[in-house]
Amino acid sequence: MTITLAEFPGLAAKKFGDRTALVTGERKFSFRELDRLSGALAQNLVKLGVEPGDRVTLYSPNCWEWIVSYYGALKAGAIINPINVMLTPPEVAYVTRDCAAKVLIGSREMVAPVVAAGVSGLTNVVFGSGVSEDMIPFDSLLAGPFGFEPVKVAPNATCTIGYTSGTTGHPRGAMQSHRAVATNVAMTAQMHLKTDRDVVVSALPCPHVYGNVVFQAGMLCGCTLVMHARFDAAEILASIERHKATVFEGVPTMYMYMLASSHLEKYQLSSLTRCTVGGQTMPAAKMQEVEERFGCPLIELWGMTELAGAGTTFPLYGERKLGSIGVAMPYCEARIADAKDAAKTMPRGEVGELMMRGPIVMQGYWANAQATHEAIESDGWLHTGDLASMDEDGAIFIVDRKKDMINSSGFKIFPAEVERVIAAHPGVALVAVAGVPDPLKGEVAKAYVVLRPGAAEDVDGIMTLCRHELAAYKVPRAVQFVRDLPKTSTGKIMRRRLTDLNE
């Protein structure tokens, strides 16, 4: 892609004009209005001293102000640092210091605790009322005159520093270029055939790469995005009916909550022409149930922060294989490498580490040459950390994360494999599997299950299903029923937190 993200709003305004670009609650914005507002913000950010290459941190739940801030900062030539809303003030302090952010823009409920925690040296811009003396009201930066011309930057210039979460140590900032993000947005939209006739409902967080690709595809293709601040099954189902949505995009837990919701049969979903699911593997049995009850294809995709979004998916009109994350994105390559020797490619059907190469691969980790060297091979192949296999058609099947693998008496157990089996039980709404210590085997698998409303606890039925479908060493040694599972802001299950639920 030879255009930058800063050009997206202007091009959309020229092409789609006063058509509805964004719906948040009862408020609507046209493509022209988003272009004007982001231009006004850019102009005032420049007056505040923001220069090309400066980092601007965004810290807020989904809202129209986040979208305007994103494009406004890019128009000013800045680099976006999107922050997960689940981060604590100390974590925000680390991230903003690490990337040397100049401006912090966000909702008052997010920014105020950060300022109170002693985060200093930032220009704080806050949405809404109740702004203190050390904060600038966001609305005051939206006044005209309009017509700001975006600062010129090269397509290969860095546009984003997205910090990745980790189980240990501090997060690392993955640097992405305008070209990488724009290419990912365009190719994902191409694979799923997004057009200006689409209405997309989503509650995916804007700071997450999945959510980022969704809202930017709307700007690129002219879709109407109905954006929810948070996920609620009943609200999403009602929104699909109300807006006659053609697309819903979410993570597996969202679909599982909707399948288990008593509201599912109350709403008309016939407007949907396809849905997408990503962020985590989804059991094929649940995918099939979604397709049957939603009446449209469910297209799986897989990606990561280091790839600016999706790395693999299926095309809408091509052959899909439930349980597979698809094929490599256009212009990109995927291969399965030996987990101990990245130079060796595994035969088709055998498990190894999924590696990616192409224009969507990050530039590296911000100010961390060692981590960059470990993540990206000299020939451009990126280590994903996911164990997978590839069939003869090039379809990729995720086995599990390398770090989530359970080692039981020397046998490897992949939680996702066990979860897929348990998810087929009719009483199960959600399931996650983790390893727990065992004095004889080192580790054994334990299942944490959330039941569908009205379903009874059925340990015997779950264990019978597992014994029938799995090798003996993979069968969970315990099943614990819980009210909910620990999740990230995107709804991704946090396996490393499952043991906090232990009784």
Protein backbone atom coordinates (compact mmCIF):
# COMPACT_ATOMS: atom_id res chain seq x y z
CA MET A 1 0.00 0.00 0.00
CA THR A 2 1.40 3.38 -1.00
CA ILE A 3 -0.98 5.46 1.13
CA THR A 4 -0.65 6.15 4.84
CA LEU A 5 -3.28 5.68 7.55
CA ALA A 6 -3.48 9.46 7.94
CA GLU A 7 -4.94 9.61 4.44
CA PHE A 8 -7.76 7.15 5.16
CA PRO A 9 -10.31 9.71 6.51
CA GLY A 10 -9.76 12.21 3.69
CA LEU A 11 -10.07 9.59 0.98
CA ALA A 12 -13.19 8.16 2.66
CA ALA A 13 -14.75 11.65 2.92
CA LYS A 14 -14.23 12.22 -0.81
CA LYS A 15 -15.59 8.81 -1.79
CA PHE A 16 -18.40 8.24 0.74
CA GLY A 17 -19.19 11.80 1.89
CA ASP A 18 -22.21 12.09 4.17
CA ARG A 19 -22.93 8.38 4.40
CA THR A 20 -22.90 6.99 7.95
CA ALA A 21 -19.45 5.80 8.94
CA LEU A 22 -19.85 5.27 12.68
CA VAL A 23 -22.72 4.62 15.08
CA THR A 24 -22.09 4.77 18.83
CA GLY A 25 -25.20 4.56 20.98
CA GLU A 26 -27.68 7.04 19.53
CA ARG A 27 -25.02 9.17 17.84
CA LYS A 28 -24.02 8.89 14.19
CA PHE A 29 -21.03 10.28 12.29
CA SER A 30 -20.55 10.60 8.57
CA PHE A 31 -17.24 9.95 6.82
CA ARG A 32 -16.96 13.68 6.12
CA GLU A 33 -17.56 14.54 9.79
CA LEU A 34 -14.89 12.13 11.04
CA ASP A 35 -12.44 13.63 8.56
CA ARG A 36 -13.23 17.18 9.71
CA LEU A 37 -13.03 16.35 13.42
CA SER A 38 -9.77 14.42 13.13
CA GLY A 39 -8.29 17.25 11.06
CA ALA A 40 -9.25 19.83 13.69
CA LEU A 41 -7.70 17.69 16.42
CA ALA A 42 -4.51 17.27 14.38
CA GLN A 43 -4.22 21.01 13.93
CA ASN A 44 -4.53 21.63 17.66
CA LEU A 45 -2.14 18.82 18.57
CA VAL A 46 0.45 20.52 16.37
CA LYS A 47 -0.23 23.77 18.26
CA LEU A 48 0.39 21.88 21.51
CA GLY A 49 3.82 20.93 20.22
CA VAL A 50 3.25 17.49 18.74
CA GLU A 51 5.83 16.88 16.03
CA PRO A 52 6.25 14.10 13.46
CA GLY A 53 7.43 10.93 15.19
CA ASP A 54 6.19 11.93 18.67
CA ARG A 55 4.28 9.21 20.50
CA VAL A 56 0.63 9.78 21.44
CA THR A 57 -0.92 7.31 23.88
CA LEU A 58 -4.64 6.46 23.61
CA TYR A 59 -6.24 5.04 26.77
CA SER A 60 -10.00 4.67 26.67
CA PRO A 61 -12.88 2.25 26.13
CA ASN A 62 -14.49 2.24 22.67
CA CYS A 63 -16.01 5.63 21.82
CA TRP A 64 -16.15 8.05 18.90
CA GLU A 65 -13.48 10.21 20.55
CA TRP A 66 -11.02 7.29 20.33
CA ILE A 67 -11.52 7.02 16.57
CA VAL A 68 -11.13 10.78 16.09
CA SER A 69 -8.03 10.79 18.31
CA TYR A 70 -6.48 7.92 16.38
CA TYR A 71 -6.73 9.61 13.00
CA GLY A 72 -6.08 13.07 14.43
CA ALA A 73 -2.76 12.02 15.95
CA LEU A 74 -1.76 10.27 12.72
CA LYS A 75 -2.64 13.36 10.68
CA ALA A 76 -0.30 15.33 12.95
CA GLY A 77 2.48 12.91 11.99
CA ALA A 78 2.53 11.23 15.40
CA ILE A 79 2.98 7.55 16.26
CA ILE A 80 0.01 5.91 18.00
CA ASN A 81 0.51 4.01 21.25
CA PRO A 82 -2.85 2.25 21.83
CA ILE A 83 -3.24 0.93 25.37
CA ASN A 84 -5.35 -1.97 26.61
CA VAL A 85 -8.01 -0.58 28.96
CA MET A 86 -7.27 -3.36 31.46
CA LEU A 87 -3.81 -2.01 32.21
CA THR A 88 -3.32 -0.60 35.71
CA PRO A 89 -1.87 2.89 36.36
CA PRO A 90 1.61 1.43 37.10
CA GLU A 91 1.48 -0.52 33.83
CA VAL A 92 0.40 2.60 31.94
CA ALA A 93 3.27 4.46 33.58
CA TYR A 94 5.73 1.86 32.34
CA VAL A 95 4.39 1.87 28.77
CA THR A 96 4.28 5.64 28.44
CA ARG A 97 7.80 5.97 29.84
CA ASP A 98 9.14 3.15 27.69
CA CYS A 99 7.93 4.69 24.43
CA ALA A 100 8.58 8.24 25.67
CA ALA A 101 4.99 9.34 25.00
CA LYS A 102 4.40 13.08 24.72
CA VAL A 103 0.60 13.16 24.96
CA LEU A 104 -1.95 10.97 26.77
CA ILE A 105 -5.49 11.08 25.37
CA GLY A 106 -8.35 9.20 26.96
CA SER A 107 -11.48 9.07 29.05
CA ARG A 108 -11.41 10.80 32.42
CA GLU A 109 -12.04 7.59 34.36
CA MET A 110 -8.91 6.09 32.78
CA VAL A 111 -6.58 9.11 32.74
CA ALA A 112 -7.35 10.56 36.18
CA PRO A 113 -6.04 7.52 38.16
CA VAL A 114 -2.90 7.53 36.03
CA VAL A 115 -2.23 11.18 36.83
CA ALA A 116 -3.02 10.54 40.51
CA ALA A 117 -0.52 7.67 40.50
CA GLY A 118 2.23 10.12 39.67
CA VAL A 119 2.61 9.70 35.93
CA SER A 120 4.14 13.01 34.91
CA GLY A 121 5.64 14.77 31.92
CA LEU A 122 2.64 14.14 29.67
CA THR A 123 0.15 16.52 28.11
CA ASN A 124 -3.17 15.02 29.25
CA VAL A 125 -6.22 15.39 27.00
CA VAL A 126 -9.45 14.08 28.50
CA PHE A 127 -12.87 13.20 27.08
CA GLY A 128 -15.96 14.46 28.87
CA SER A 129 -16.53 16.88 31.75
CA GLY A 130 -14.94 17.29 35.16
CA VAL A 131 -11.53 18.14 33.80
CA SER A 132 -8.92 19.29 36.32
CA GLU A 133 -6.31 22.01 35.83
CA ASP A 134 -3.67 19.52 34.67
CA MET A 135 -5.92 18.20 31.90
CA ILE A 136 -7.08 19.65 28.58
CA PRO A 137 -10.75 19.17 27.56
CA PHE A 138 -10.88 17.11 24.39
CA ASP A 139 -13.78 19.13 22.96
CA SER A 140 -11.68 22.31 23.10
CA LEU A 141 -9.34 20.78 20.51
CA LEU A 142 -12.09 20.14 17.96
CA ALA A 143 -12.83 23.75 17.04
CA GLY A 144 -12.08 24.89 13.50
CA PRO A 145 -10.88 26.12 11.17
CA PHE A 146 -11.14 22.83 9.34
CA GLY A 147 -9.26 21.53 6.34
CA PHE A 148 -5.97 20.56 7.99
CA GLU A 149 -3.62 18.88 5.53
CA PRO A 150 -2.09 15.72 7.05
CA VAL A 151 1.64 15.89 7.77
CA LYS A 152 3.49 13.97 5.06
CA VAL A 153 5.18 10.78 6.21
CA ALA A 154 6.53 7.83 4.23
CA PRO A 155 4.43 4.64 3.98
CA ASN A 156 7.28 2.73 5.62
CA ALA A 157 7.42 5.13 8.59
CA THR A 158 6.34 3.79 11.97
CA CYS A 159 2.67 4.50 12.74
CA THR A 160 2.02 2.34 15.80
CA ILE A 161 3.80 0.98 18.86
CA GLY A 162 1.49 -1.69 20.27
CA TYR A 163 2.55 -3.30 23.52
CA THR A 164 2.13 -7.04 23.78
CA SER A 165 1.11 -8.73 27.00
CA GLY A 166 3.29 -11.43 28.50
CA THR A 167 3.27 -13.92 31.33
CA THR A 168 6.54 -12.59 32.77
CA GLY A 169 8.51 -9.36 32.64
CA HIS A 170 7.44 -6.10 31.05
CA PRO A 171 5.43 -5.85 27.83
CA ARG A 172 7.25 -5.08 24.59
CA GLY A 173 6.28 -2.48 22.03
CA ALA A 174 5.79 -3.90 18.54
CA MET A 175 6.48 -1.25 15.90
CA GLN A 176 4.30 -1.25 12.80
CA SER A 177 4.58 0.84 9.65
CA HIS A 178 1.74 2.61 7.83
CA ARG A 179 2.29 0.18 4.97
CA ALA A 180 1.99 -2.87 7.21
CA VAL A 181 -1.25 -1.80 8.88
CA ALA A 182 -2.81 -0.50 5.66
CA THR A 183 -1.91 -3.73 3.86
CA ASN A 184 -3.40 -5.83 6.65
CA VAL A 185 -6.62 -3.80 6.67
CA ALA A 186 -6.96 -3.97 2.89
CA MET A 187 -6.21 -7.69 2.58
CA THR A 188 -8.48 -8.69 5.46
CA ALA A 189 -11.27 -6.65 3.88
CA GLN A 190 -10.53 -8.28 0.53
CA MET A 191 -10.64 -11.81 1.94
CA HIS A 192 -13.98 -11.11 3.62
CA LEU A 193 -15.32 -9.00 0.72
CA LYS A 194 -16.17 -5.85 2.71
CA THR A 195 -18.06 -3.21 0.70
CA ASP A 196 -19.92 0.05 1.24
CA ARG A 197 -23.12 -1.99 1.53
CA ASP A 198 -21.99 -3.62 4.76
CA VAL A 199 -23.12 -2.74 8.27
CA VAL A 200 -20.69 -4.16 10.82
CA VAL A 201 -21.54 -4.66 14.50
CA SER A 202 -18.54 -5.01 16.83
CA ALA A 203 -17.57 -4.71 20.48
CA LEU A 204 -13.91 -5.48 19.84
CA PRO A 205 -11.65 -2.97 21.67
CA CYS A 206 -10.17 -0.36 19.33
CA PRO A 207 -6.64 -0.68 20.84
CA HIS A 208 -6.53 -4.38 19.93
CA VAL A 209 -5.27 -5.26 16.44
CA TYR A 210 -8.47 -7.20 15.65
CA GLY A 211 -10.62 -4.22 16.59
CA ASN A 212 -8.23 -1.92 14.73
CA VAL A 213 -8.57 -3.86 11.49
CA VAL A 214 -12.37 -3.84 11.85
CA PHE A 215 -12.81 -0.08 12.27
CA GLN A 216 -10.21 0.77 9.65
CA ALA A 217 -11.83 -1.54 7.10
CA GLY A 218 -14.95 0.57 7.51
CA MET A 219 -13.00 3.69 6.64
CA LEU A 220 -11.29 2.03 3.69
CA CYS A 221 -14.33 0.27 2.22
CA GLY A 222 -17.19 2.55 3.24
CA CYS A 223 -18.83 0.17 5.71
CA THR A 224 -21.02 1.49 8.51
CA LEU A 225 -19.51 0.47 11.86
CA VAL A 226 -21.90 0.06 14.79
CA MET A 227 -19.41 0.16 17.65
CA HIS A 228 -20.26 -0.97 21.18
CA ALA A 229 -18.29 0.20 24.20
CA ARG A 230 -18.41 -3.27 25.71
CA PHE A 231 -19.82 -6.70 24.94
CA ASP A 232 -23.23 -7.69 26.23
CA ALA A 233 -24.90 -10.64 24.50
CA ALA A 234 -28.43 -9.24 24.61
CA GLU A 235 -27.32 -5.78 23.44
CA ILE A 236 -25.32 -7.19 20.54
CA LEU A 237 -28.18 -9.40 19.37
CA ALA A 238 -30.57 -6.45 19.55
CA SER A 239 -28.08 -4.28 17.68
CA ILE A 240 -27.75 -6.79 14.84
CA GLU A 241 -31.52 -6.76 14.39
CA ARG A 242 -31.96 -3.00 14.80
CA HIS A 243 -29.24 -2.00 12.35
CA LYS A 244 -29.79 -4.93 9.97
CA ALA A 245 -26.13 -5.80 10.32
CA THR A 246 -24.53 -7.81 7.54
CA VAL A 247 -21.42 -8.67 9.60
CA PHE A 248 -20.67 -9.38 13.25
CA GLU A 249 -17.04 -9.69 14.33
CA GLY A 250 -15.97 -11.13 17.66
CA VAL A 251 -13.94 -13.59 19.71
CA PRO A 252 -15.03 -17.14 20.66
CA THR A 253 -16.34 -16.21 24.11
CA MET A 254 -18.70 -13.64 22.59
CA TYR A 255 -20.27 -16.28 20.36
CA MET A 256 -20.48 -18.77 23.20
CA TYR A 257 -22.27 -16.24 25.42
CA MET A 258 -24.71 -15.46 22.60
CA LEU A 259 -25.36 -19.15 21.98
CA ALA A 260 -26.13 -19.60 25.68
CA SER A 261 -28.25 -16.44 25.89
CA SER A 262 -32.00 -16.69 26.38
CA HIS A 263 -32.26 -13.70 24.02
CA LEU A 264 -30.89 -15.54 20.98
CA GLU A 265 -34.30 -16.68 19.75
CA LYS A 266 -35.88 -13.26 20.37
CA TYR A 267 -33.97 -11.39 17.70
CA GLN A 268 -33.93 -11.58 13.92
CA LEU A 269 -30.43 -12.25 12.57
CA SER A 270 -31.34 -12.94 8.94
CA SER A 271 -29.53 -9.79 7.74
CA LEU A 272 -26.15 -11.38 8.57
CA THR A 273 -24.22 -12.59 5.53
CA ARG A 274 -21.06 -13.65 7.39
CA CYS A 275 -19.39 -13.41 10.79
CA THR A 276 -15.74 -13.56 11.76
CA VAL A 277 -14.06 -15.00 14.83
CA GLY A 278 -10.49 -14.59 16.02
CA GLY A 279 -8.31 -13.87 19.03
CA GLN A 280 -8.33 -17.51 20.15
CA THR A 281 -9.09 -20.91 18.66
CA MET A 282 -12.76 -21.92 18.69
CA PRO A 283 -13.97 -25.52 18.89
CA ALA A 284 -15.37 -26.71 15.56
CA ALA A 285 -18.54 -27.95 17.27
CA LYS A 286 -19.30 -24.45 18.52
CA MET A 287 -18.48 -22.91 15.13
CA GLN A 288 -20.95 -25.28 13.49
CA GLU A 289 -23.61 -24.33 16.04
CA VAL A 290 -23.03 -20.62 15.32
CA GLU A 291 -23.44 -21.19 11.58
CA GLU A 292 -26.64 -23.15 12.13
CA ARG A 293 -28.24 -20.70 14.54
CA PHE A 294 -26.97 -17.45 12.98
CA GLY A 295 -27.68 -18.68 9.46
CA CYS A 296 -24.43 -17.50 7.89
CA PRO A 297 -20.78 -18.56 7.47
CA LEU A 298 -18.40 -18.08 10.40
CA ILE A 299 -14.93 -17.25 9.08
CA GLU A 300 -12.03 -17.83 11.43
CA LEU A 301 -8.96 -15.63 11.37
CA TRP A 302 -5.74 -15.59 13.33
CA GLY A 303 -3.34 -12.77 14.02
CA MET A 304 -1.15 -11.00 16.52
CA THR A 305 0.13 -7.56 17.44
CA GLU A 306 3.41 -8.29 15.69
CA LEU A 307 1.50 -8.76 12.40
CA ALA A 308 -0.62 -5.58 12.60
CA GLY A 309 -3.75 -7.74 12.65
CA ALA A 310 -4.70 -10.91 10.82
CA GLY A 311 -2.01 -13.23 9.47
CA THR A 312 -4.31 -15.95 8.17
CA THR A 313 -7.98 -16.38 7.30
CA PHE A 314 -10.27 -17.96 4.71
CA PRO A 315 -11.78 -16.08 1.76
CA LEU A 316 -15.56 -15.67 1.98
CA TYR A 317 -16.25 -17.60 -1.22
CA GLY A 318 -13.45 -20.14 -0.94
CA GLU A 319 -13.49 -23.50 0.77
CA ARG A 320 -13.50 -23.21 4.55
CA LYS A 321 -12.48 -25.85 7.06
CA LEU A 322 -14.00 -25.48 10.50
CA GLY A 323 -11.28 -25.63 13.11
CA SER A 324 -8.67 -24.15 10.77
CA ILE A 325 -7.45 -20.54 10.98
CA GLY A 326 -7.25 -20.42 7.20
CA VAL A 327 -4.43 -19.75 4.78
CA ALA A 328 -1.73 -17.07 4.68
CA MET A 329 -2.91 -13.56 3.82
CA PRO A 330 -2.21 -12.27 0.29
CA TYR A 331 1.41 -11.10 -0.17
CA CYS A 332 2.41 -13.15 2.90
CA GLU A 333 3.90 -16.57 3.56
CA ALA A 334 3.28 -19.08 6.34
CA ARG A 335 5.21 -22.21 7.17
CA ILE A 336 5.48 -24.73 10.00
CA ALA A 337 9.00 -24.85 11.40
CA ASP A 338 10.65 -27.36 13.66
CA ALA A 339 10.07 -25.99 17.17
CA LYS A 340 13.76 -26.56 17.99
CA ASP A 341 15.26 -25.56 14.64
CA ALA A 342 13.52 -22.69 12.85
CA ALA A 343 15.50 -23.31 9.66
CA LYS A 344 13.80 -26.69 9.20
CA THR A 345 10.29 -26.84 7.72
CA MET A 346 8.06 -29.63 8.96
CA PRO A 347 6.30 -32.02 6.55
CA ARG A 348 2.61 -31.38 5.89
CA GLY A 349 0.45 -32.63 8.72
CA GLU A 350 3.18 -32.52 11.38
CA VAL A 351 3.20 -30.10 14.31
CA GLY A 352 5.74 -27.31 14.67
CA GLU A 353 5.88 -23.57 15.25
CA LEU A 354 3.86 -21.36 12.91
CA MET A 355 6.08 -18.72 11.30
CA MET A 356 5.06 -15.78 9.11
CA ARG A 357 6.84 -13.59 6.59
CA GLY A 358 5.68 -10.62 4.52
CA PRO A 359 4.90 -6.89 4.54
CA ILE A 360 2.70 -7.11 7.65
CA VAL A 361 5.52 -8.31 9.92
CA MET A 362 6.51 -5.71 12.52
CA GLN A 363 9.61 -3.57 12.16
CA GLY A 364 10.79 -4.84 15.54
CA TYR A 365 10.32 -4.16 19.25
CA TRP A 366 10.77 -0.57 20.36
CA ALA A 367 14.21 -0.01 21.91
CA ASN A 368 14.73 -3.77 22.34
CA ALA A 369 17.18 -5.12 19.78
CA GLN A 370 17.65 -8.41 21.64
CA ALA A 371 13.95 -9.24 21.68
CA THR A 372 13.69 -8.27 18.01
CA HIS A 373 16.59 -10.57 17.12
CA GLU A 374 14.92 -13.44 18.98
CA ALA A 375 11.54 -12.87 17.30
CA ILE A 376 12.56 -12.29 13.67
CA GLU A 377 15.01 -14.49 11.80
CA SER A 378 17.59 -12.89 9.50
CA ASP A 379 15.56 -13.95 6.45
CA GLY A 380 12.42 -12.20 7.72
CA TRP A 381 10.50 -15.10 9.26
CA LEU A 382 8.63 -14.14 12.45
CA HIS A 383 8.30 -16.56 15.36
CA THR A 384 4.64 -16.59 16.43
CA GLY A 385 4.92 -18.87 19.46
CA ASP A 386 1.93 -20.89 18.24
CA LEU A 387 2.18 -24.62 17.58
CA ALA A 388 0.33 -25.63 14.43
CA SER A 389 0.14 -27.97 11.47
CA MET A 390 -0.58 -27.35 7.78
CA ASP A 391 -2.53 -29.68 5.51
CA GLU A 392 -1.98 -30.36 1.82
CA ASP A 393 -4.22 -27.42 0.84
CA GLY A 394 -2.22 -24.96 2.93
CA ALA A 395 -4.92 -24.70 5.60
CA ILE A 396 -3.39 -24.13 9.04
CA PHE A 397 -4.61 -25.71 12.26
CA ILE A 398 -3.50 -24.22 15.56
CA VAL A 399 -2.62 -26.82 18.15
CA ASP A 400 -1.85 -24.44 21.01
CA ARG A 401 0.49 -21.82 22.37
CA LYS A 402 3.94 -23.20 23.13
CA LYS A 403 3.82 -21.65 26.59
CA ASP A 404 0.40 -23.22 27.38
CA MET A 405 1.44 -26.78 26.64
CA ILE A 406 1.05 -29.20 29.57
CA ASN A 407 3.84 -31.71 30.20
CA SER A 408 2.44 -34.77 31.96
CA SER A 409 4.95 -37.57 32.61
CA GLY A 410 6.75 -36.54 29.45
CA PHE A 411 3.59 -36.53 27.34
CA LYS A 412 2.53 -33.27 25.68
CA ILE A 413 -1.05 -32.14 26.26
CA PHE A 414 -2.40 -29.17 24.33
CA PRO A 415 -5.26 -27.43 26.20
CA ALA A 416 -7.08 -26.43 23.01
CA GLU A 417 -7.37 -30.08 21.98
CA VAL A 418 -9.09 -30.98 25.26
CA GLU A 419 -11.25 -27.84 25.16
CA ARG A 420 -12.56 -28.73 21.70
CA VAL A 421 -13.82 -32.08 23.02
CA ILE A 422 -15.45 -30.73 26.19
CA ALA A 423 -17.08 -27.87 24.26
CA ALA A 424 -19.13 -30.45 22.36
CA HIS A 425 -20.99 -31.38 25.58
CA PRO A 426 -24.52 -29.89 25.32
CA GLY A 427 -24.40 -28.39 28.80
CA VAL A 428 -21.12 -26.51 28.34
CA ALA A 429 -21.14 -22.80 27.51
CA LEU A 430 -17.42 -22.10 28.05
CA VAL A 431 -14.44 -24.26 28.89
CA ALA A 432 -10.76 -23.70 29.49
CA VAL A 433 -8.05 -26.21 30.38
CA ALA A 434 -4.82 -25.61 32.26
CA GLY A 435 -2.08 -27.67 33.85
CA VAL A 436 -2.01 -28.11 37.62
CA PRO A 437 0.87 -29.57 39.67
CA ASP A 438 0.90 -33.30 40.33
CA PRO A 439 3.46 -35.05 42.61
CA LEU A 440 3.80 -38.06 40.29
CA LYS A 441 3.25 -36.72 36.77
CA GLY A 442 4.58 -33.21 37.17
CA GLU A 443 1.43 -31.74 35.64
CA VAL A 444 -2.05 -32.96 34.82
CA ALA A 445 -4.89 -31.32 32.91
CA LYS A 446 -7.77 -29.68 34.73
CA ALA A 447 -10.93 -28.36 33.06
CA TYR A 448 -12.76 -25.23 34.19
CA VAL A 449 -16.34 -25.24 32.91
CA VAL A 450 -19.08 -22.60 32.69
CA LEU A 451 -22.48 -24.20 32.22
CA ARG A 452 -25.26 -23.05 29.92
CA PRO A 453 -28.21 -21.51 31.81
CA GLY A 454 -30.34 -24.31 33.26
CA ALA A 455 -27.77 -27.04 32.60
CA ALA A 456 -26.83 -29.42 35.41
CA GLU A 457 -23.29 -30.30 36.46
CA ASP A 458 -22.35 -33.48 34.64
CA VAL A 459 -18.83 -34.53 35.51
CA ASP A 460 -19.46 -38.12 34.46
CA GLY A 461 -20.78 -37.06 31.06
CA ILE A 462 -17.80 -34.76 30.42
CA MET A 463 -15.31 -37.42 31.49
CA THR A 464 -17.02 -40.09 29.37
CA LEU A 465 -16.83 -37.78 26.35
CA CYS A 466 -13.13 -37.14 26.98
CA ARG A 467 -12.30 -40.81 27.43
CA HIS A 468 -14.05 -41.60 24.17
CA GLU A 469 -12.33 -38.85 22.16
CA LEU A 470 -8.91 -38.49 23.81
CA ALA A 471 -5.90 -40.59 24.70
CA ALA A 472 -5.89 -41.53 28.35
CA TYR A 473 -3.06 -39.15 29.30
CA LYS A 474 -5.00 -36.20 27.84
CA VAL A 475 -8.16 -36.78 29.87
CA PRO A 476 -8.54 -34.10 32.60
CA ARG A 477 -7.94 -35.35 36.10
CA ALA A 478 -10.46 -32.86 37.48
CA VAL A 479 -13.42 -30.77 36.34
CA GLN A 480 -14.36 -27.62 38.24
CA PHE A 481 -17.56 -25.71 37.49
CA VAL A 482 -17.17 -21.94 37.72
CA ARG A 483 -19.38 -18.90 37.17
CA ASP A 484 -17.00 -17.30 34.68
CA LEU A 485 -13.48 -17.49 33.28
CA PRO A 486 -10.76 -14.84 33.50
CA LYS A 487 -10.61 -12.91 30.22
CA THR A 488 -8.72 -10.07 28.60
CA SER A 489 -10.43 -6.90 27.37
CA THR A 490 -11.04 -8.64 24.03
CA GLY A 491 -12.72 -11.63 25.69
CA LYS A 492 -9.75 -13.94 25.22
CA ILE A 493 -9.50 -16.52 28.00
CA MET A 494 -6.42 -16.06 30.18
CA ARG A 495 -5.22 -19.59 30.84
CA ARG A 496 -2.44 -18.44 33.14
CA ARG A 497 -5.11 -17.08 35.53
CA LEU A 498 -7.21 -20.23 35.66
CA THR A 499 -5.43 -21.62 38.69
CA ASP A 500 -6.68 -18.58 40.66
CA LEU A 501 -10.08 -20.30 40.49
CA ASN A 502 -8.87 -23.50 42.16
CA GLU A 503 -10.98 -24.70 45.05
